[in-house]
Amino acid sequence: MAAQPEGPELSKELFIAMAEQVGFDPADPHLDDLYPEVLARFTMIRNIQQVDVSGVDPAVHYGLTPTGEA
């Protein structure tokens, strides 16, 4: 599988600006706690995107629903 592009980094300034656009107070100290958590989720997503699943049949072939029930 080809390597996925890293994508743009989320700077603290951009994070604060985006949070403000959706209604958060940019001075809220909780955003300082949330920022590293968001960066960690982005890293997890990048890692998941790099998993080679080319040899795995999609679950739909087995009649599974999104809840995992047959």
PDB file of N, CA and C in Angstrom:
ATOM      1  N   MET A   1       0.839  -1.173   0.000  1.00  0.00           N
ATOM      2  CA  MET A   1       0.000   0.000   0.000  1.00  0.00           C
ATOM      3  C   MET A   1       0.885   1.237   0.000  1.00  0.00           C
ATOM      4  N   ALA A   2       0.560   2.202  -0.802  1.00  0.00           N
ATOM      5  CA  ALA A   2       1.341   3.429  -0.869  1.00  0.00           C
ATOM      6  C   ALA A   2       1.170   4.225   0.417  1.00  0.00           C
ATOM      7  N   ALA A   3       2.231   4.914   0.783  1.00  0.00           N
ATOM      8  CA  ALA A   3       2.171   5.731   1.995  1.00  0.00           C
ATOM      9  C   ALA A   3       1.169   6.864   1.823  1.00  0.00           C
ATOM     10  N   GLN A   4       0.405   7.084   2.852  1.00  0.00           N
ATOM     11  CA  GLN A   4      -0.556   8.175   2.845  1.00  0.00           C
ATOM     12  C   GLN A   4       0.175   9.482   3.087  1.00  0.00           C
ATOM     13  N   PRO A   5      -0.257  10.541   2.455  1.00  0.00           N
ATOM     14  CA  PRO A   5       0.363  11.829   2.743  1.00  0.00           C
ATOM     15  C   PRO A   5       0.116  12.219   4.191  1.00  0.00           C
ATOM     16  N   GLU A   6       1.076  12.874   4.762  1.00  0.00           N
ATOM     17  CA  GLU A   6       0.972  13.282   6.157  1.00  0.00           C
ATOM     18  C   GLU A   6      -0.163  14.266   6.374  1.00  0.00           C
ATOM     19  N   GLY A   7      -0.404  15.128   5.431  1.00  0.00           N
ATOM     20  CA  GLY A   7      -1.439  16.133   5.606  1.00  0.00           C
ATOM     21  C   GLY A   7      -0.888  17.327   6.359  1.00  0.00           C
ATOM     22  N   PRO A   8      -1.628  18.390   6.337  1.00  0.00           N
ATOM     23  CA  PRO A   8      -1.148  19.592   7.022  1.00  0.00           C
ATOM     24  C   PRO A   8      -1.163  19.414   8.533  1.00  0.00           C
ATOM     25  N   GLU A   9      -0.228  20.045   9.176  1.00  0.00           N
ATOM     26  CA  GLU A   9      -0.200  20.023  10.634  1.00  0.00           C
ATOM     27  C   GLU A   9      -1.248  20.996  11.156  1.00  0.00           C
ATOM     28  N   LEU A  10      -1.800  20.686  12.290  1.00  0.00           N
ATOM     29  CA  LEU A  10      -2.780  21.558  12.922  1.00  0.00           C
ATOM     30  C   LEU A  10      -2.047  22.399  13.961  1.00  0.00           C
ATOM     31  N   SER A  11      -1.787  23.637  13.607  1.00  0.00           N
ATOM     32  CA  SER A  11      -1.108  24.521  14.548  1.00  0.00           C
ATOM     33  C   SER A  11      -2.055  24.902  15.673  1.00  0.00           C
ATOM     34  N   LYS A  12      -1.500  25.319  16.772  1.00  0.00           N
ATOM     35  CA  LYS A  12      -2.313  25.745  17.906  1.00  0.00           C
ATOM     36  C   LYS A  12      -3.177  26.940  17.504  1.00  0.00           C
ATOM     37  N   GLU A  13      -2.617  27.837  16.706  1.00  0.00           N
ATOM     38  CA  GLU A  13      -3.365  29.013  16.278  1.00  0.00           C
ATOM     39  C   GLU A  13      -4.568  28.619  15.420  1.00  0.00           C
ATOM     40  N   LEU A  14      -4.364  27.680  14.501  1.00  0.00           N
ATOM     41  CA  LEU A  14      -5.462  27.222  13.652  1.00  0.00           C
ATOM     42  C   LEU A  14      -6.516  26.495  14.490  1.00  0.00           C
ATOM     43  N   PHE A  15      -6.069  25.683  15.431  1.00  0.00           N
ATOM     44  CA  PHE A  15      -6.987  24.979  16.316  1.00  0.00           C
ATOM     45  C   PHE A  15      -7.876  25.961  17.078  1.00  0.00           C
ATOM     46  N   ILE A  16      -7.256  26.994  17.643  1.00  0.00           N
ATOM     47  CA  ILE A  16      -8.014  27.996  18.393  1.00  0.00           C
ATOM     48  C   ILE A  16      -8.988  28.731  17.475  1.00  0.00           C
ATOM     49  N   ALA A  17      -8.540  29.075  16.264  1.00  0.00           N
ATOM     50  CA  ALA A  17      -9.415  29.773  15.312  1.00  0.00           C
ATOM     51  C   ALA A  17     -10.609  28.902  14.927  1.00  0.00           C
ATOM     52  N   MET A  18     -10.376  27.622  14.700  1.00  0.00           N
ATOM     53  CA  MET A  18     -11.475  26.719  14.350  1.00  0.00           C
ATOM     54  C   MET A  18     -12.430  26.556  15.532  1.00  0.00           C
ATOM     55  N   ALA A  19     -11.888  26.448  16.726  1.00  0.00           N
ATOM     56  CA  ALA A  19     -12.730  26.323  17.916  1.00  0.00           C
ATOM     57  C   ALA A  19     -13.600  27.563  18.077  1.00  0.00           C
ATOM     58  N   GLU A  20     -13.022  28.722  17.820  1.00  0.00           N
ATOM     59  CA  GLU A  20     -13.790  29.965  17.930  1.00  0.00           C
ATOM     60  C   GLU A  20     -14.904  30.015  16.883  1.00  0.00           C
ATOM     61  N   GLN A  21     -14.638  29.498  15.685  1.00  0.00           N
ATOM     62  CA  GLN A  21     -15.647  29.505  14.625  1.00  0.00           C
ATOM     63  C   GLN A  21     -16.871  28.664  14.984  1.00  0.00           C
ATOM     64  N   VAL A  22     -16.679  27.640  15.801  1.00  0.00           N
ATOM     65  CA  VAL A  22     -17.821  26.798  16.179  1.00  0.00           C
ATOM     66  C   VAL A  22     -18.386  27.172  17.543  1.00  0.00           C
ATOM     67  N   GLY A  23     -17.946  28.317  18.082  1.00  0.00           N
ATOM     68  CA  GLY A  23     -18.585  28.838  19.272  1.00  0.00           C
ATOM     69  C   GLY A  23     -17.825  28.727  20.573  1.00  0.00           C
ATOM     70  N   PHE A  24     -16.608  28.191  20.561  1.00  0.00           N
ATOM     71  CA  PHE A  24     -15.835  28.118  21.798  1.00  0.00           C
ATOM     72  C   PHE A  24     -15.201  29.473  22.098  1.00  0.00           C
ATOM     73  N   ASP A  25     -15.014  29.738  23.363  1.00  0.00           N
ATOM     74  CA  ASP A  25     -14.301  30.938  23.792  1.00  0.00           C
ATOM     75  C   ASP A  25     -12.807  30.669  23.599  1.00  0.00           C
ATOM     76  N   PRO A  26     -12.117  31.440  22.746  1.00  0.00           N
ATOM     77  CA  PRO A  26     -10.703  31.167  22.496  1.00  0.00           C
ATOM     78  C   PRO A  26      -9.820  31.325  23.732  1.00  0.00           C
ATOM     79  N   ALA A  27     -10.324  31.994  24.759  1.00  0.00           N
ATOM     80  CA  ALA A  27      -9.554  32.157  25.989  1.00  0.00           C
ATOM     81  C   ALA A  27      -9.819  31.037  26.992  1.00  0.00           C
ATOM     82  N   ASP A  28     -10.704  30.115  26.661  1.00  0.00           N
ATOM     83  CA  ASP A  28     -11.034  29.012  27.565  1.00  0.00           C
ATOM     84  C   ASP A  28      -9.796  28.139  27.785  1.00  0.00           C
ATOM     85  N   PRO A  29      -9.336  27.990  29.017  1.00  0.00           N
ATOM     86  CA  PRO A  29      -8.139  27.181  29.280  1.00  0.00           C
ATOM     87  C   PRO A  29      -8.320  25.701  28.949  1.00  0.00           C
ATOM     88  N   HIS A  30      -9.559  25.240  28.825  1.00  0.00           N
ATOM     89  CA  HIS A  30      -9.783  23.838  28.468  1.00  0.00           C
ATOM     90  C   HIS A  30      -9.277  23.533  27.057  1.00  0.00           C
ATOM     91  N   LEU A  31      -9.220  24.545  26.210  1.00  0.00           N
ATOM     92  CA  LEU A  31      -8.698  24.324  24.857  1.00  0.00           C
ATOM     93  C   LEU A  31      -7.231  23.927  24.897  1.00  0.00           C
ATOM     94  N   ASP A  32      -6.502  24.396  25.915  1.00  0.00           N
ATOM     95  CA  ASP A  32      -5.102  23.991  26.071  1.00  0.00           C
ATOM     96  C   ASP A  32      -5.001  22.501  26.367  1.00  0.00           C
ATOM     97  N   ASP A  33      -5.984  21.961  27.082  1.00  0.00           N
ATOM     98  CA  ASP A  33      -6.012  20.522  27.367  1.00  0.00           C
ATOM     99  C   ASP A  33      -6.489  19.732  26.156  1.00  0.00           C
ATOM    100  N   LEU A  34      -7.404  20.309  25.409  1.00  0.00           N
ATOM    101  CA  LEU A  34      -8.006  19.610  24.279  1.00  0.00           C
ATOM    102  C   LEU A  34      -7.070  19.516  23.075  1.00  0.00           C
ATOM    103  N   TYR A  35      -6.257  20.534  22.855  1.00  0.00           N
ATOM    104  CA  TYR A  35      -5.383  20.572  21.676  1.00  0.00           C
ATOM    105  C   TYR A  35      -4.502  19.324  21.539  1.00  0.00           C
ATOM    106  N   PRO A  36      -3.743  18.911  22.563  1.00  0.00           N
ATOM    107  CA  PRO A  36      -2.927  17.701  22.390  1.00  0.00           C
ATOM    108  C   PRO A  36      -3.757  16.439  22.168  1.00  0.00           C
ATOM    109  N   GLU A  37      -4.964  16.414  22.718  1.00  0.00           N
ATOM    110  CA  GLU A  37      -5.841  15.259  22.501  1.00  0.00           C
ATOM    111  C   GLU A  37      -6.271  15.175  21.035  1.00  0.00           C
ATOM    112  N   VAL A  38      -6.581  16.314  20.449  1.00  0.00           N
ATOM    113  CA  VAL A  38      -6.965  16.346  19.033  1.00  0.00           C
ATOM    114  C   VAL A  38      -5.782  15.914  18.169  1.00  0.00           C
ATOM    115  N   LEU A  39      -4.594  16.391  18.480  1.00  0.00           N
ATOM    116  CA  LEU A  39      -3.406  15.976  17.728  1.00  0.00           C
ATOM    117  C   LEU A  39      -3.190  14.465  17.835  1.00  0.00           C
ATOM    118  N   ALA A  40      -3.423  13.911  19.015  1.00  0.00           N
ATOM    119  CA  ALA A  40      -3.270  12.462  19.212  1.00  0.00           C
ATOM    120  C   ALA A  40      -4.281  11.692  18.370  1.00  0.00           C
ATOM    121  N   ARG A  41      -5.506  12.191  18.266  1.00  0.00           N
ATOM    122  CA  ARG A  41      -6.519  11.520  17.435  1.00  0.00           C
ATOM    123  C   ARG A  41      -6.119  11.560  15.965  1.00  0.00           C
ATOM    124  N   PHE A  42      -5.568  12.684  15.519  1.00  0.00           N
ATOM    125  CA  PHE A  42      -5.104  12.773  14.132  1.00  0.00           C
ATOM    126  C   PHE A  42      -4.014  11.738  13.863  1.00  0.00           C
ATOM    127  N   THR A  43      -3.116  11.558  14.821  1.00  0.00           N
ATOM    128  CA  THR A  43      -2.061  10.544  14.673  1.00  0.00           C
ATOM    129  C   THR A  43      -2.674   9.157  14.588  1.00  0.00           C
ATOM    130  N   MET A  44      -3.669   8.879  15.425  1.00  0.00           N
ATOM    131  CA  MET A  44      -4.332   7.577  15.386  1.00  0.00           C
ATOM    132  C   MET A  44      -5.000   7.351  14.033  1.00  0.00           C
ATOM    133  N   ILE A  45      -5.650   8.372  13.513  1.00  0.00           N
ATOM    134  CA  ILE A  45      -6.319   8.254  12.213  1.00  0.00           C
ATOM    135  C   ILE A  45      -5.301   7.979  11.117  1.00  0.00           C
ATOM    136  N   ARG A  46      -4.176   8.687  11.145  1.00  0.00           N
ATOM    137  CA  ARG A  46      -3.125   8.450  10.137  1.00  0.00           C
ATOM    138  C   ARG A  46      -2.614   7.016  10.214  1.00  0.00           C
ATOM    139  N   ASN A  47      -2.438   6.504  11.438  1.00  0.00           N
ATOM    140  CA  ASN A  47      -1.970   5.125  11.605  1.00  0.00           C
ATOM    141  C   ASN A  47      -2.987   4.127  11.060  1.00  0.00           C
ATOM    142  N   ILE A  48      -4.262   4.365  11.322  1.00  0.00           N
ATOM    143  CA  ILE A  48      -5.311   3.473  10.829  1.00  0.00           C
ATOM    144  C   ILE A  48      -5.355   3.499   9.301  1.00  0.00           C
ATOM    145  N   GLN A  49      -5.174   4.685   8.717  1.00  0.00           N
ATOM    146  CA  GLN A  49      -5.208   4.798   7.262  1.00  0.00           C
ATOM    147  C   GLN A  49      -4.073   4.017   6.601  1.00  0.00           C
ATOM    148  N   GLN A  50      -3.007   3.741   7.331  1.00  0.00           N
ATOM    149  CA  GLN A  50      -1.868   3.035   6.769  1.00  0.00           C
ATOM    150  C   GLN A  50      -1.979   1.514   6.896  1.00  0.00           C
ATOM    151  N   VAL A  51      -3.014   1.014   7.558  1.00  0.00           N
ATOM    152  CA  VAL A  51      -3.196  -0.430   7.713  1.00  0.00           C
ATOM    153  C   VAL A  51      -3.589  -1.029   6.362  1.00  0.00           C
ATOM    154  N   ASP A  52      -2.855  -2.063   5.955  1.00  0.00           N
ATOM    155  CA  ASP A  52      -3.135  -2.727   4.687  1.00  0.00           C
ATOM    156  C   ASP A  52      -4.278  -3.724   4.876  1.00  0.00           C
ATOM    157  N   VAL A  53      -5.426  -3.415   4.306  1.00  0.00           N
ATOM    158  CA  VAL A  53      -6.588  -4.298   4.396  1.00  0.00           C
ATOM    159  C   VAL A  53      -6.950  -4.856   3.020  1.00  0.00           C
ATOM    160  N   SER A  54      -5.996  -4.813   2.111  1.00  0.00           N
ATOM    161  CA  SER A  54      -6.288  -5.240   0.741  1.00  0.00           C
ATOM    162  C   SER A  54      -6.675  -6.719   0.661  1.00  0.00           C
ATOM    163  N   GLY A  55      -6.244  -7.537   1.596  1.00  0.00           N
ATOM    164  CA  GLY A  55      -6.573  -8.947   1.561  1.00  0.00           C
ATOM    165  C   GLY A  55      -7.755  -9.327   2.442  1.00  0.00           C
ATOM    166  N   VAL A  56      -8.467  -8.357   2.942  1.00  0.00           N
ATOM    167  CA  VAL A  56      -9.582  -8.617   3.860  1.00  0.00           C
ATOM    168  C   VAL A  56     -10.897  -8.346   3.141  1.00  0.00           C
ATOM    169  N   ASP A  57     -11.778  -9.327   3.203  1.00  0.00           N
ATOM    170  CA  ASP A  57     -13.096  -9.142   2.599  1.00  0.00           C
ATOM    171  C   ASP A  57     -13.906  -8.146   3.420  1.00  0.00           C
ATOM    172  N   PRO A  58     -14.666  -7.296   2.754  1.00  0.00           N
ATOM    173  CA  PRO A  58     -15.551  -6.382   3.506  1.00  0.00           C
ATOM    174  C   PRO A  58     -16.586  -7.170   4.296  1.00  0.00           C
ATOM    175  N   ALA A  59     -16.983  -6.647   5.433  1.00  0.00           N
ATOM    176  CA  ALA A  59     -17.939  -7.322   6.307  1.00  0.00           C
ATOM    177  C   ALA A  59     -19.297  -7.511   5.646  1.00  0.00           C
ATOM    178  N   VAL A  60     -19.615  -6.694   4.637  1.00  0.00           N
ATOM    179  CA  VAL A  60     -20.915  -6.821   3.988  1.00  0.00           C
ATOM    180  C   VAL A  60     -21.093  -8.198   3.357  1.00  0.00           C
ATOM    181  N   HIS A  61     -20.013  -8.823   2.985  1.00  0.00           N
ATOM    182  CA  HIS A  61     -20.112 -10.158   2.393  1.00  0.00           C
ATOM    183  C   HIS A  61     -20.635 -11.182   3.395  1.00  0.00           C
ATOM    184  N   TYR A  62     -20.521 -10.882   4.648  1.00  0.00           N
ATOM    185  CA  TYR A  62     -20.949 -11.818   5.683  1.00  0.00           C
ATOM    186  C   TYR A  62     -22.314 -11.462   6.243  1.00  0.00           C
ATOM    187  N   GLY A  63     -22.964 -10.474   5.672  1.00  0.00           N
ATOM    188  CA  GLY A  63     -24.297 -10.103   6.114  1.00  0.00           C
ATOM    189  C   GLY A  63     -24.352  -9.370   7.416  1.00  0.00           C
ATOM    190  N   LEU A  64     -23.253  -8.751   7.822  1.00  0.00           N
ATOM    191  CA  LEU A  64     -23.248  -8.021   9.076  1.00  0.00           C
ATOM    192  C   LEU A  64     -23.827  -6.630   8.889  1.00  0.00           C
ATOM    193  N   THR A  65     -24.520  -6.185   9.908  1.00  0.00           N
ATOM    194  CA  THR A  65     -25.058  -4.830   9.911  1.00  0.00           C
ATOM    195  C   THR A  65     -24.045  -3.924  10.611  1.00  0.00           C
ATOM    196  N   PRO A  66     -24.225  -2.611  10.545  1.00  0.00           N
ATOM    197  CA  PRO A  66     -23.304  -1.719  11.258  1.00  0.00           C
ATOM    198  C   PRO A  66     -23.212  -1.996  12.759  1.00  0.00           C
ATOM    199  N   THR A  67     -24.230  -2.624  13.336  1.00  0.00           N
ATOM    200  CA  THR A  67     -24.185  -2.942  14.770  1.00  0.00           C
ATOM    201  C   THR A  67     -23.491  -4.275  15.028  1.00  0.00           C
ATOM    202  N   GLY A  68     -23.094  -4.969  13.969  1.00  0.00           N
ATOM    203  CA  GLY A  68     -22.385  -6.239  14.128  1.00  0.00           C
ATOM    204  C   GLY A  68     -23.292  -7.442  14.183  1.00  0.00           C
ATOM    205  N   GLU A  69     -24.585  -7.235  13.991  1.00  0.00           N
ATOM    206  CA  GLU A  69     -25.529  -8.351  14.044  1.00  0.00           C
ATOM    207  C   GLU A  69     -25.704  -8.946  12.657  1.00  0.00           C
ATOM    208  N   ALA A  70     -25.886 -10.232  12.601  1.00  0.00           N
ATOM    209  CA  ALA A  70     -26.085 -10.906  11.319  1.00  0.00           C
ATOM    210  C   ALA A  70     -27.531 -10.825  10.885  1.00  0.00           C
TER     211      ALA A  70
END
